[in-house]
């Protein structure tokens, strides 16, 4: 699958693709199953926080890469919000071909220098790089709420670093459990007109369906979703345990959670594709 061409096509057509964070193997299985259910490509993400939870990258990444290889639709395994360059190098050795290097909390010049070095290393290994500019809110205090990405600075940043996509701050916030975020669609459009690479929306769980469609129509291409999947999984597990208080086999309560995540992934992929079913002109 030529992911660069796919993302460029989506950008030209004002359509989006979902990028879903996996913490458990059930998340990963559900993301792939949801993509297959919708017939759409998907991005399966592993964050540095998820790696920290598991204690290492290799076992979980290997499982995700195998799920992607066996899927009936294109699945891109992506390392998300990596601040430690050593983790990126490990991912490259495992066969990961897409990473997000997060140096947004650093001063601009240092962000540029470190990101450029990561880009050079990753491009030599045929790996795409996403970066962030503008400090998206809610990232454990490291990102300042209310910050917005400046279009001129974004254009300069992409030119200076050579990144393949750019996450921008336009009103969303990480880890939101309600959907009250209001996006600045005019700013998204200005950024899309200034930046020659696909734009990424982080913190998308806090955005309504209408807001997500508006963001894609304004120029967002990749839409990151994590908290929403955790909510769906937890609600299903809680409901199952509430109805069957004596269950001890985790398969009995995790399976309904996995199925619920699968259905939500399928729904969101279809929503972001801006079509009722699939987009056969691109997927394949």
C-alpha atoms as a PDB file:
ATOM      1  CA  UNK A   1       0.000   0.000   0.000  1.00  0.00           C
ATOM      2  CA  UNK A   2       1.382   3.406  -0.984  1.00  0.00           C
ATOM      3  CA  UNK A   3       0.408   5.379   2.096  1.00  0.00           C
ATOM      4  CA  UNK A   4       1.942   8.620   0.856  1.00  0.00           C
ATOM      5  CA  UNK A   5      -0.274   8.482  -2.238  1.00  0.00           C
ATOM      6  CA  UNK A   6      -3.320   7.554  -0.156  1.00  0.00           C
ATOM      7  CA  UNK A   7      -2.907  10.467   2.226  1.00  0.00           C
ATOM      8  CA  UNK A   8      -2.233  12.857  -0.647  1.00  0.00           C
ATOM      9  CA  UNK A   9      -5.390  11.658  -2.407  1.00  0.00           C
ATOM     10  CA  UNK A  10      -7.421  12.115   0.752  1.00  0.00           C
ATOM     11  CA  UNK A  11      -5.980  15.605   1.178  1.00  0.00           C
ATOM     12  CA  UNK A  12      -6.923  16.546  -2.398  1.00  0.00           C
ATOM     13  CA  UNK A  13     -10.427  15.123  -2.026  1.00  0.00           C
ATOM     14  CA  UNK A  14     -11.093  16.632   1.427  1.00  0.00           C
ATOM     15  CA  UNK A  15     -11.635  13.257   3.026  1.00  0.00           C
ATOM     16  CA  UNK A  16     -10.168  11.767   6.184  1.00  0.00           C
ATOM     17  CA  UNK A  17      -8.822   8.582   7.696  1.00  0.00           C
ATOM     18  CA  UNK A  18      -9.117   7.398  11.270  1.00  0.00           C
ATOM     19  CA  UNK A  19      -6.013   6.728  13.364  1.00  0.00           C
ATOM     20  CA  UNK A  20      -6.912   4.744  16.477  1.00  0.00           C
ATOM     21  CA  UNK A  21      -4.769   4.190  19.546  1.00  0.00           C
ATOM     22  CA  UNK A  22      -4.405   0.652  20.854  1.00  0.00           C
ATOM     23  CA  UNK A  23      -3.419  -0.164  24.420  1.00  0.00           C
ATOM     24  CA  UNK A  24      -4.596  -3.770  24.691  1.00  0.00           C
ATOM     25  CA  UNK A  25      -4.495  -6.471  22.048  1.00  0.00           C
ATOM     26  CA  UNK A  26      -8.302  -6.259  22.101  1.00  0.00           C
ATOM     27  CA  UNK A  27      -8.036  -2.629  20.948  1.00  0.00           C
ATOM     28  CA  UNK A  28      -5.784  -3.632  18.071  1.00  0.00           C
ATOM     29  CA  UNK A  29      -7.992  -6.526  17.007  1.00  0.00           C
ATOM     30  CA  UNK A  30     -11.062  -4.299  17.140  1.00  0.00           C
ATOM     31  CA  UNK A  31      -9.455  -1.541  15.077  1.00  0.00           C
ATOM     32  CA  UNK A  32      -8.542  -3.979  12.317  1.00  0.00           C
ATOM     33  CA  UNK A  33     -11.953  -5.681  12.488  1.00  0.00           C
ATOM     34  CA  UNK A  34     -13.697  -2.295  12.301  1.00  0.00           C
ATOM     35  CA  UNK A  35     -11.690  -1.353   9.242  1.00  0.00           C
ATOM     36  CA  UNK A  36     -12.556  -4.651   7.596  1.00  0.00           C
ATOM     37  CA  UNK A  37     -16.227  -4.169   8.488  1.00  0.00           C
ATOM     38  CA  UNK A  38     -16.245  -0.752   6.803  1.00  0.00           C
ATOM     39  CA  UNK A  39     -13.989  -1.786   3.919  1.00  0.00           C
ATOM     40  CA  UNK A  40     -11.737   1.196   4.599  1.00  0.00           C
ATOM     41  CA  UNK A  41      -8.029   1.630   5.354  1.00  0.00           C
ATOM     42  CA  UNK A  42      -7.040   2.481   8.907  1.00  0.00           C
ATOM     43  CA  UNK A  43      -4.058   3.620  10.962  1.00  0.00           C
ATOM     44  CA  UNK A  44      -3.332   1.542  14.076  1.00  0.00           C
ATOM     45  CA  UNK A  45      -1.381   3.571  16.625  1.00  0.00           C
ATOM     46  CA  UNK A  46       0.869   2.636  19.532  1.00  0.00           C
ATOM     47  CA  UNK A  47       1.750   5.543  21.807  1.00  0.00           C
ATOM     48  CA  UNK A  48       4.831   5.897  23.949  1.00  0.00           C
ATOM     49  CA  UNK A  49       2.496   5.733  26.956  1.00  0.00           C
ATOM     50  CA  UNK A  50       1.177   2.371  25.731  1.00  0.00           C
ATOM     51  CA  UNK A  51       4.747   1.112  25.344  1.00  0.00           C
ATOM     52  CA  UNK A  52       5.438   2.218  28.910  1.00  0.00           C
ATOM     53  CA  UNK A  53       2.356   0.293  30.071  1.00  0.00           C
ATOM     54  CA  UNK A  54       3.552  -2.918  28.406  1.00  0.00           C
ATOM     55  CA  UNK A  55       7.146  -2.432  29.525  1.00  0.00           C
ATOM     56  CA  UNK A  56       8.607  -2.658  26.022  1.00  0.00           C
ATOM     57  CA  UNK A  57       7.690  -2.039  22.402  1.00  0.00           C
ATOM     58  CA  UNK A  58       8.571  -5.264  20.616  1.00  0.00           C
ATOM     59  CA  UNK A  59       5.880  -7.752  21.760  1.00  0.00           C
ATOM     60  CA  UNK A  60       2.906  -5.453  21.237  1.00  0.00           C
ATOM     61  CA  UNK A  61       4.282  -3.893  18.060  1.00  0.00           C
ATOM     62  CA  UNK A  62       4.977  -7.345  16.619  1.00  0.00           C
ATOM     63  CA  UNK A  63       1.373  -8.348  17.309  1.00  0.00           C
ATOM     64  CA  UNK A  64       0.049  -5.170  15.676  1.00  0.00           C
ATOM     65  CA  UNK A  65       2.294  -5.598  12.643  1.00  0.00           C
ATOM     66  CA  UNK A  66       1.095  -9.178  12.196  1.00  0.00           C
ATOM     67  CA  UNK A  67      -2.553  -8.080  12.494  1.00  0.00           C
ATOM     68  CA  UNK A  68      -1.870  -5.436   9.839  1.00  0.00           C
ATOM     69  CA  UNK A  69      -0.166  -7.920   7.524  1.00  0.00           C
ATOM     70  CA  UNK A  70      -3.065 -10.370   7.775  1.00  0.00           C
ATOM     71  CA  UNK A  71      -5.838  -7.782   7.341  1.00  0.00           C
ATOM     72  CA  UNK A  72      -8.072  -7.675   4.273  1.00  0.00           C
ATOM     73  CA  UNK A  73      -7.806  -3.859   4.147  1.00  0.00           C
ATOM     74  CA  UNK A  74      -4.723  -1.617   4.325  1.00  0.00           C
ATOM     75  CA  UNK A  75      -3.560  -1.112   7.933  1.00  0.00           C
ATOM     76  CA  UNK A  76      -0.656   1.188   8.806  1.00  0.00           C
ATOM     77  CA  UNK A  77       1.027   0.641  12.180  1.00  0.00           C
ATOM     78  CA  UNK A  78       2.143   4.008  13.556  1.00  0.00           C
ATOM     79  CA  UNK A  79       4.103   5.019  16.668  1.00  0.00           C
ATOM     80  CA  UNK A  80       2.303   7.949  18.293  1.00  0.00           C
ATOM     81  CA  UNK A  81       3.618  10.794  20.492  1.00  0.00           C
ATOM     82  CA  UNK A  82       7.139   9.446  20.771  1.00  0.00           C
ATOM     83  CA  UNK A  83       9.466  11.769  22.665  1.00  0.00           C
ATOM     84  CA  UNK A  84      12.367   9.324  23.000  1.00  0.00           C
ATOM     85  CA  UNK A  85      14.334   8.916  19.763  1.00  0.00           C
ATOM     86  CA  UNK A  86      15.602   5.522  20.944  1.00  0.00           C
ATOM     87  CA  UNK A  87      12.034   4.191  20.758  1.00  0.00           C
ATOM     88  CA  UNK A  88      11.808   5.361  17.144  1.00  0.00           C
ATOM     89  CA  UNK A  89      15.038   3.528  16.292  1.00  0.00           C
ATOM     90  CA  UNK A  90      13.657   0.376  17.916  1.00  0.00           C
ATOM     91  CA  UNK A  91      10.457   0.755  15.902  1.00  0.00           C
ATOM     92  CA  UNK A  92      12.427   1.039  12.677  1.00  0.00           C
ATOM     93  CA  UNK A  93      14.273  -2.161  13.498  1.00  0.00           C
ATOM     94  CA  UNK A  94      10.916  -3.911  14.027  1.00  0.00           C
ATOM     95  CA  UNK A  95       9.593  -2.762  10.651  1.00  0.00           C
ATOM     96  CA  UNK A  96       7.424   0.187  11.661  1.00  0.00           C
ATOM     97  CA  UNK A  97       7.048   2.595   8.718  1.00  0.00           C
ATOM     98  CA  UNK A  98       5.253   5.548  10.317  1.00  0.00           C
ATOM     99  CA  UNK A  99       6.072   7.521  13.475  1.00  0.00           C
ATOM    100  CA  UNK A 100       5.016  10.710  15.217  1.00  0.00           C
ATOM    101  CA  UNK A 101       7.928  12.483  16.900  1.00  0.00           C
ATOM    102  CA  UNK A 102       6.693  14.864  19.563  1.00  0.00           C
ATOM    103  CA  UNK A 103       9.052  17.705  20.421  1.00  0.00           C
ATOM    104  CA  UNK A 104       6.287  20.334  20.515  1.00  0.00           C
ATOM    105  CA  UNK A 105       6.903  21.252  24.147  1.00  0.00           C
ATOM    106  CA  UNK A 106      10.476  22.300  23.310  1.00  0.00           C
ATOM    107  CA  UNK A 107      11.527  25.762  22.126  1.00  0.00           C
ATOM    108  CA  UNK A 108      10.888  26.174  18.409  1.00  0.00           C
ATOM    109  CA  UNK A 109      14.534  25.985  17.301  1.00  0.00           C
ATOM    110  CA  UNK A 110      15.154  22.802  19.293  1.00  0.00           C
ATOM    111  CA  UNK A 111      11.913  21.287  18.005  1.00  0.00           C
ATOM    112  CA  UNK A 112      13.094  21.943  14.446  1.00  0.00           C
ATOM    113  CA  UNK A 113      16.595  20.551  15.011  1.00  0.00           C
ATOM    114  CA  UNK A 114      15.514  17.350  16.727  1.00  0.00           C
ATOM    115  CA  UNK A 115      12.627  16.740  14.341  1.00  0.00           C
ATOM    116  CA  UNK A 116      14.855  17.241  11.303  1.00  0.00           C
ATOM    117  CA  UNK A 117      17.315  14.663  12.649  1.00  0.00           C
ATOM    118  CA  UNK A 118      14.494  12.159  13.207  1.00  0.00           C
ATOM    119  CA  UNK A 119      13.166  12.786   9.692  1.00  0.00           C
ATOM    120  CA  UNK A 120      16.572  12.139   8.134  1.00  0.00           C
ATOM    121  CA  UNK A 121      16.965   8.886  10.068  1.00  0.00           C
ATOM    122  CA  UNK A 122      13.425   7.707   9.299  1.00  0.00           C
ATOM    123  CA  UNK A 123      13.433   8.629   5.610  1.00  0.00           C
ATOM    124  CA  UNK A 124      16.614   6.625   5.186  1.00  0.00           C
ATOM    125  CA  UNK A 125      14.624   3.650   6.504  1.00  0.00           C
ATOM    126  CA  UNK A 126      11.568   4.368   4.308  1.00  0.00           C
ATOM    127  CA  UNK A 127       9.531   5.550   7.284  1.00  0.00           C
ATOM    128  CA  UNK A 128       7.131   8.500   7.301  1.00  0.00           C
ATOM    129  CA  UNK A 129       7.303  11.120  10.067  1.00  0.00           C
ATOM    130  CA  UNK A 130       4.556  13.188  11.658  1.00  0.00           C
ATOM    131  CA  UNK A 131       5.387  16.088  13.961  1.00  0.00           C
ATOM    132  CA  UNK A 132       3.413  18.577  16.016  1.00  0.00           C
ATOM    133  CA  UNK A 133       3.431  22.349  16.141  1.00  0.00           C
ATOM    134  CA  UNK A 134       1.274  24.503  18.382  1.00  0.00           C
ATOM    135  CA  UNK A 135       1.043  22.417  21.553  1.00  0.00           C
ATOM    136  CA  UNK A 136      -2.316  20.651  21.567  1.00  0.00           C
ATOM    137  CA  UNK A 137      -4.038  20.965  24.941  1.00  0.00           C
ATOM    138  CA  UNK A 138      -4.388  18.374  27.647  1.00  0.00           C
ATOM    139  CA  UNK A 139      -1.226  16.283  27.219  1.00  0.00           C
ATOM    140  CA  UNK A 140      -0.462  15.731  30.912  1.00  0.00           C
ATOM    141  CA  UNK A 141       0.310  19.393  31.441  1.00  0.00           C
ATOM    142  CA  UNK A 142       3.061  19.456  28.807  1.00  0.00           C
ATOM    143  CA  UNK A 143       0.852  21.190  26.269  1.00  0.00           C
ATOM    144  CA  UNK A 144      -0.793  24.521  26.935  1.00  0.00           C
ATOM    145  CA  UNK A 145      -4.574  24.696  26.353  1.00  0.00           C
ATOM    146  CA  UNK A 146      -5.713  27.453  24.046  1.00  0.00           C
ATOM    147  CA  UNK A 147      -2.541  27.512  21.927  1.00  0.00           C
ATOM    148  CA  UNK A 148      -3.117  27.683  18.164  1.00  0.00           C
ATOM    149  CA  UNK A 149      -0.774  26.814  15.311  1.00  0.00           C
ATOM    150  CA  UNK A 150       0.316  29.763  13.168  1.00  0.00           C
ATOM    151  CA  UNK A 151       0.037  29.026   9.409  1.00  0.00           C
ATOM    152  CA  UNK A 152       3.218  30.883   8.453  1.00  0.00           C
ATOM    153  CA  UNK A 153       5.239  29.203  11.186  1.00  0.00           C
ATOM    154  CA  UNK A 154       3.757  25.829  10.207  1.00  0.00           C
ATOM    155  CA  UNK A 155       4.849  26.309   6.597  1.00  0.00           C
ATOM    156  CA  UNK A 156       8.370  27.231   7.735  1.00  0.00           C
ATOM    157  CA  UNK A 157       8.493  24.257  10.117  1.00  0.00           C
ATOM    158  CA  UNK A 158       7.562  21.747   7.410  1.00  0.00           C
ATOM    159  CA  UNK A 159      10.124  23.225   5.032  1.00  0.00           C
ATOM    160  CA  UNK A 160      12.844  23.187   7.678  1.00  0.00           C
ATOM    161  CA  UNK A 161      12.214  19.650   8.941  1.00  0.00           C
ATOM    162  CA  UNK A 162      10.918  17.746   5.917  1.00  0.00           C
ATOM    163  CA  UNK A 163       8.106  16.074   7.885  1.00  0.00           C
ATOM    164  CA  UNK A 164       5.474  14.124   5.960  1.00  0.00           C
ATOM    165  CA  UNK A 165       2.464  15.291   8.007  1.00  0.00           C
ATOM    166  CA  UNK A 166       1.789  17.871  10.687  1.00  0.00           C
ATOM    167  CA  UNK A 167      -0.407  17.754  13.782  1.00  0.00           C
ATOM    168  CA  UNK A 168      -1.848  21.190  14.455  1.00  0.00           C
ATOM    169  CA  UNK A 169      -3.511  22.916  17.397  1.00  0.00           C
ATOM    170  CA  UNK A 170      -6.948  24.138  16.301  1.00  0.00           C
ATOM    171  CA  UNK A 171      -9.133  23.752  19.400  1.00  0.00           C
ATOM    172  CA  UNK A 172      -9.082  20.080  20.370  1.00  0.00           C
ATOM    173  CA  UNK A 173      -7.593  18.633  23.541  1.00  0.00           C
ATOM    174  CA  UNK A 174      -6.269  15.213  24.500  1.00  0.00           C
ATOM    175  CA  UNK A 175      -8.152  12.823  26.805  1.00  0.00           C
ATOM    176  CA  UNK A 176     -11.504  14.643  26.700  1.00  0.00           C
ATOM    177  CA  UNK A 177     -14.375  12.502  27.987  1.00  0.00           C
ATOM    178  CA  UNK A 178     -17.098  14.786  26.631  1.00  0.00           C
ATOM    179  CA  UNK A 179     -17.513  16.046  23.081  1.00  0.00           C
ATOM    180  CA  UNK A 180     -17.480  19.779  23.758  1.00  0.00           C
ATOM    181  CA  UNK A 181     -14.386  20.862  21.816  1.00  0.00           C
ATOM    182  CA  UNK A 182     -15.034  23.584  19.244  1.00  0.00           C
ATOM    183  CA  UNK A 183     -12.615  23.576  16.337  1.00  0.00           C
ATOM    184  CA  UNK A 184     -11.452  26.663  14.458  1.00  0.00           C
ATOM    185  CA  UNK A 185     -12.367  25.595  10.921  1.00  0.00           C
ATOM    186  CA  UNK A 186     -11.157  28.861   9.432  1.00  0.00           C
ATOM    187  CA  UNK A 187      -7.727  28.234  10.943  1.00  0.00           C
ATOM    188  CA  UNK A 188      -7.755  24.650   9.624  1.00  0.00           C
ATOM    189  CA  UNK A 189      -8.497  25.968   6.139  1.00  0.00           C
ATOM    190  CA  UNK A 190      -5.703  28.544   6.432  1.00  0.00           C
ATOM    191  CA  UNK A 191      -3.264  25.870   7.576  1.00  0.00           C
ATOM    192  CA  UNK A 192      -4.328  23.546   4.752  1.00  0.00           C
ATOM    193  CA  UNK A 193      -3.628  26.344   2.292  1.00  0.00           C
ATOM    194  CA  UNK A 194      -0.213  27.086   3.798  1.00  0.00           C
ATOM    195  CA  UNK A 195       1.159  23.626   4.572  1.00  0.00           C
ATOM    196  CA  UNK A 196       2.006  21.257   1.680  1.00  0.00           C
ATOM    197  CA  UNK A 197       1.573  18.044   3.713  1.00  0.00           C
ATOM    198  CA  UNK A 198      -1.484  16.329   5.264  1.00  0.00           C
ATOM    199  CA  UNK A 199      -2.767  17.866   8.488  1.00  0.00           C
ATOM    200  CA  UNK A 200      -3.461  15.780  11.595  1.00  0.00           C
ATOM    201  CA  UNK A 201      -6.051  16.382  14.319  1.00  0.00           C
ATOM    202  CA  UNK A 202      -5.141  15.097  17.782  1.00  0.00           C
ATOM    203  CA  UNK A 203      -7.601  15.001  20.677  1.00  0.00           C
ATOM    204  CA  UNK A 204     -10.455  14.095  18.344  1.00  0.00           C
ATOM    205  CA  UNK A 205     -12.474  12.160  20.928  1.00  0.00           C
ATOM    206  CA  UNK A 206     -13.681  15.504  22.275  1.00  0.00           C
ATOM    207  CA  UNK A 207     -15.118  16.594  18.913  1.00  0.00           C
ATOM    208  CA  UNK A 208     -18.685  15.910  17.756  1.00  0.00           C
ATOM    209  CA  UNK A 209     -19.439  13.991  14.568  1.00  0.00           C
ATOM    210  CA  UNK A 210     -20.437  17.257  12.925  1.00  0.00           C
ATOM    211  CA  UNK A 211     -17.202  18.860  14.100  1.00  0.00           C
ATOM    212  CA  UNK A 212     -15.144  15.984  12.705  1.00  0.00           C
ATOM    213  CA  UNK A 213     -16.834  16.266   9.320  1.00  0.00           C
ATOM    214  CA  UNK A 214     -16.239  20.013   9.360  1.00  0.00           C
ATOM    215  CA  UNK A 215     -12.576  19.520  10.208  1.00  0.00           C
ATOM    216  CA  UNK A 216     -12.106  17.090   7.320  1.00  0.00           C
ATOM    217  CA  UNK A 217     -13.975  19.365   4.923  1.00  0.00           C
ATOM    218  CA  UNK A 218     -11.678  22.224   6.011  1.00  0.00           C
ATOM    219  CA  UNK A 219      -8.476  20.267   5.413  1.00  0.00           C
ATOM    220  CA  UNK A 220      -7.744  17.746   8.199  1.00  0.00           C
ATOM    221  CA  UNK A 221      -6.692  14.359   6.785  1.00  0.00           C
ATOM    222  CA  UNK A 222      -5.618  12.112   9.686  1.00  0.00           C
ATOM    223  CA  UNK A 223      -7.891  12.052  12.731  1.00  0.00           C
ATOM    224  CA  UNK A 224      -6.467  10.568  15.958  1.00  0.00           C
ATOM    225  CA  UNK A 225      -8.944   8.886  18.300  1.00  0.00           C
ATOM    226  CA  UNK A 226      -8.092   7.101  21.537  1.00  0.00           C
ATOM    227  CA  UNK A 227     -10.184   8.097  24.537  1.00  0.00           C
ATOM    228  CA  UNK A 228     -13.443   7.403  22.708  1.00  0.00           C
ATOM    229  CA  UNK A 229     -12.437   3.778  22.151  1.00  0.00           C
ATOM    230  CA  UNK A 230     -11.556   3.405  25.827  1.00  0.00           C
ATOM    231  CA  UNK A 231     -14.965   4.774  26.776  1.00  0.00           C
ATOM    232  CA  UNK A 232     -16.769   2.359  24.462  1.00  0.00           C
ATOM    233  CA  UNK A 233     -14.764  -0.644  25.638  1.00  0.00           C
ATOM    234  CA  UNK A 234     -15.184   0.206  29.324  1.00  0.00           C
ATOM    235  CA  UNK A 235     -18.924   0.814  29.001  1.00  0.00           C
ATOM    236  CA  UNK A 236     -19.413  -2.571  27.358  1.00  0.00           C
ATOM    237  CA  UNK A 237     -17.277  -4.364  29.942  1.00  0.00           C
ATOM    238  CA  UNK A 238     -19.045  -2.610  32.817  1.00  0.00           C
ATOM    239  CA  UNK A 239     -22.440  -3.520  31.386  1.00  0.00           C
ATOM    240  CA  UNK A 240     -21.480  -7.172  30.944  1.00  0.00           C
ATOM    241  CA  UNK A 241     -20.090  -7.460  34.461  1.00  0.00           C
ATOM    242  CA  UNK A 242     -23.165  -5.743  35.828  1.00  0.00           C
ATOM    243  CA  UNK A 243     -25.423  -8.298  34.173  1.00  0.00           C
ATOM    244  CA  UNK A 244     -23.210 -11.283  35.032  1.00  0.00           C
ATOM    245  CA  UNK A 245     -21.635 -10.648  38.406  1.00  0.00           C
ATOM    246  CA  UNK A 246     -20.051 -14.105  38.702  1.00  0.00           C
ATOM    247  CA  UNK A 247     -17.981 -13.946  35.498  1.00  0.00           C
ATOM    248  CA  UNK A 248     -14.270 -14.489  36.050  1.00  0.00           C
ATOM    249  CA  UNK A 249     -13.118 -15.481  32.558  1.00  0.00           C
ATOM    250  CA  UNK A 250     -11.848 -12.211  30.985  1.00  0.00           C
ATOM    251  CA  UNK A 251     -12.838 -13.413  27.536  1.00  0.00           C
ATOM    252  CA  UNK A 252     -16.477 -13.279  28.603  1.00  0.00           C
ATOM    253  CA  UNK A 253     -16.371  -9.538  29.327  1.00  0.00           C
ATOM    254  CA  UNK A 254     -13.579  -8.358  27.026  1.00  0.00           C
ATOM    255  CA  UNK A 255     -15.219  -9.844  23.917  1.00  0.00           C
ATOM    256  CA  UNK A 256     -18.276  -7.552  24.154  1.00  0.00           C
ATOM    257  CA  UNK A 257     -15.903  -4.625  24.681  1.00  0.00           C
ATOM    258  CA  UNK A 258     -13.880  -5.576  21.644  1.00  0.00           C
ATOM    259  CA  UNK A 259     -17.043  -5.900  19.548  1.00  0.00           C
ATOM    260  CA  UNK A 260     -18.260  -2.479  20.672  1.00  0.00           C
ATOM    261  CA  UNK A 261     -14.923  -0.899  19.726  1.00  0.00           C
ATOM    262  CA  UNK A 262     -15.043  -2.653  16.342  1.00  0.00           C
ATOM    263  CA  UNK A 263     -18.447  -1.145  15.613  1.00  0.00           C
ATOM    264  CA  UNK A 264     -17.376   2.348  16.705  1.00  0.00           C
ATOM    265  CA  UNK A 265     -14.229   2.184  14.564  1.00  0.00           C
ATOM    266  CA  UNK A 266     -16.305   1.158  11.551  1.00  0.00           C
ATOM    267  CA  UNK A 267     -18.758   3.995  12.161  1.00  0.00           C
ATOM    268  CA  UNK A 268     -16.047   6.609  12.574  1.00  0.00           C
ATOM    269  CA  UNK A 269     -14.082   5.468   9.520  1.00  0.00           C
ATOM    270  CA  UNK A 270     -17.224   5.783   7.408  1.00  0.00           C
ATOM    271  CA  UNK A 271     -17.932   9.214   8.901  1.00  0.00           C
ATOM    272  CA  UNK A 272     -14.419  10.480   8.184  1.00  0.00           C
ATOM    273  CA  UNK A 273     -14.415   9.099   4.657  1.00  0.00           C
ATOM    274  CA  UNK A 274     -17.349  11.468   4.002  1.00  0.00           C
ATOM    275  CA  UNK A 275     -19.261   8.715   2.253  1.00  0.00           C
ATOM    276  CA  UNK A 276     -21.980   6.382   3.416  1.00  0.00           C
ATOM    277  CA  UNK A 277     -20.048   3.232   2.555  1.00  0.00           C
ATOM    278  CA  UNK A 278     -16.498   3.103   1.163  1.00  0.00           C
ATOM    279  CA  UNK A 279     -14.126   4.856  -1.198  1.00  0.00           C
ATOM    280  CA  UNK A 280     -13.073   2.250  -3.764  1.00  0.00           C
ATOM    281  CA  UNK A 281     -11.156   4.776  -5.850  1.00  0.00           C
ATOM    282  CA  UNK A 282      -8.519   4.952  -3.093  1.00  0.00           C
ATOM    283  CA  UNK A 283      -8.670   1.807  -0.991  1.00  0.00           C
ATOM    284  CA  UNK A 284      -7.126  -1.322  -2.408  1.00  0.00           C
END
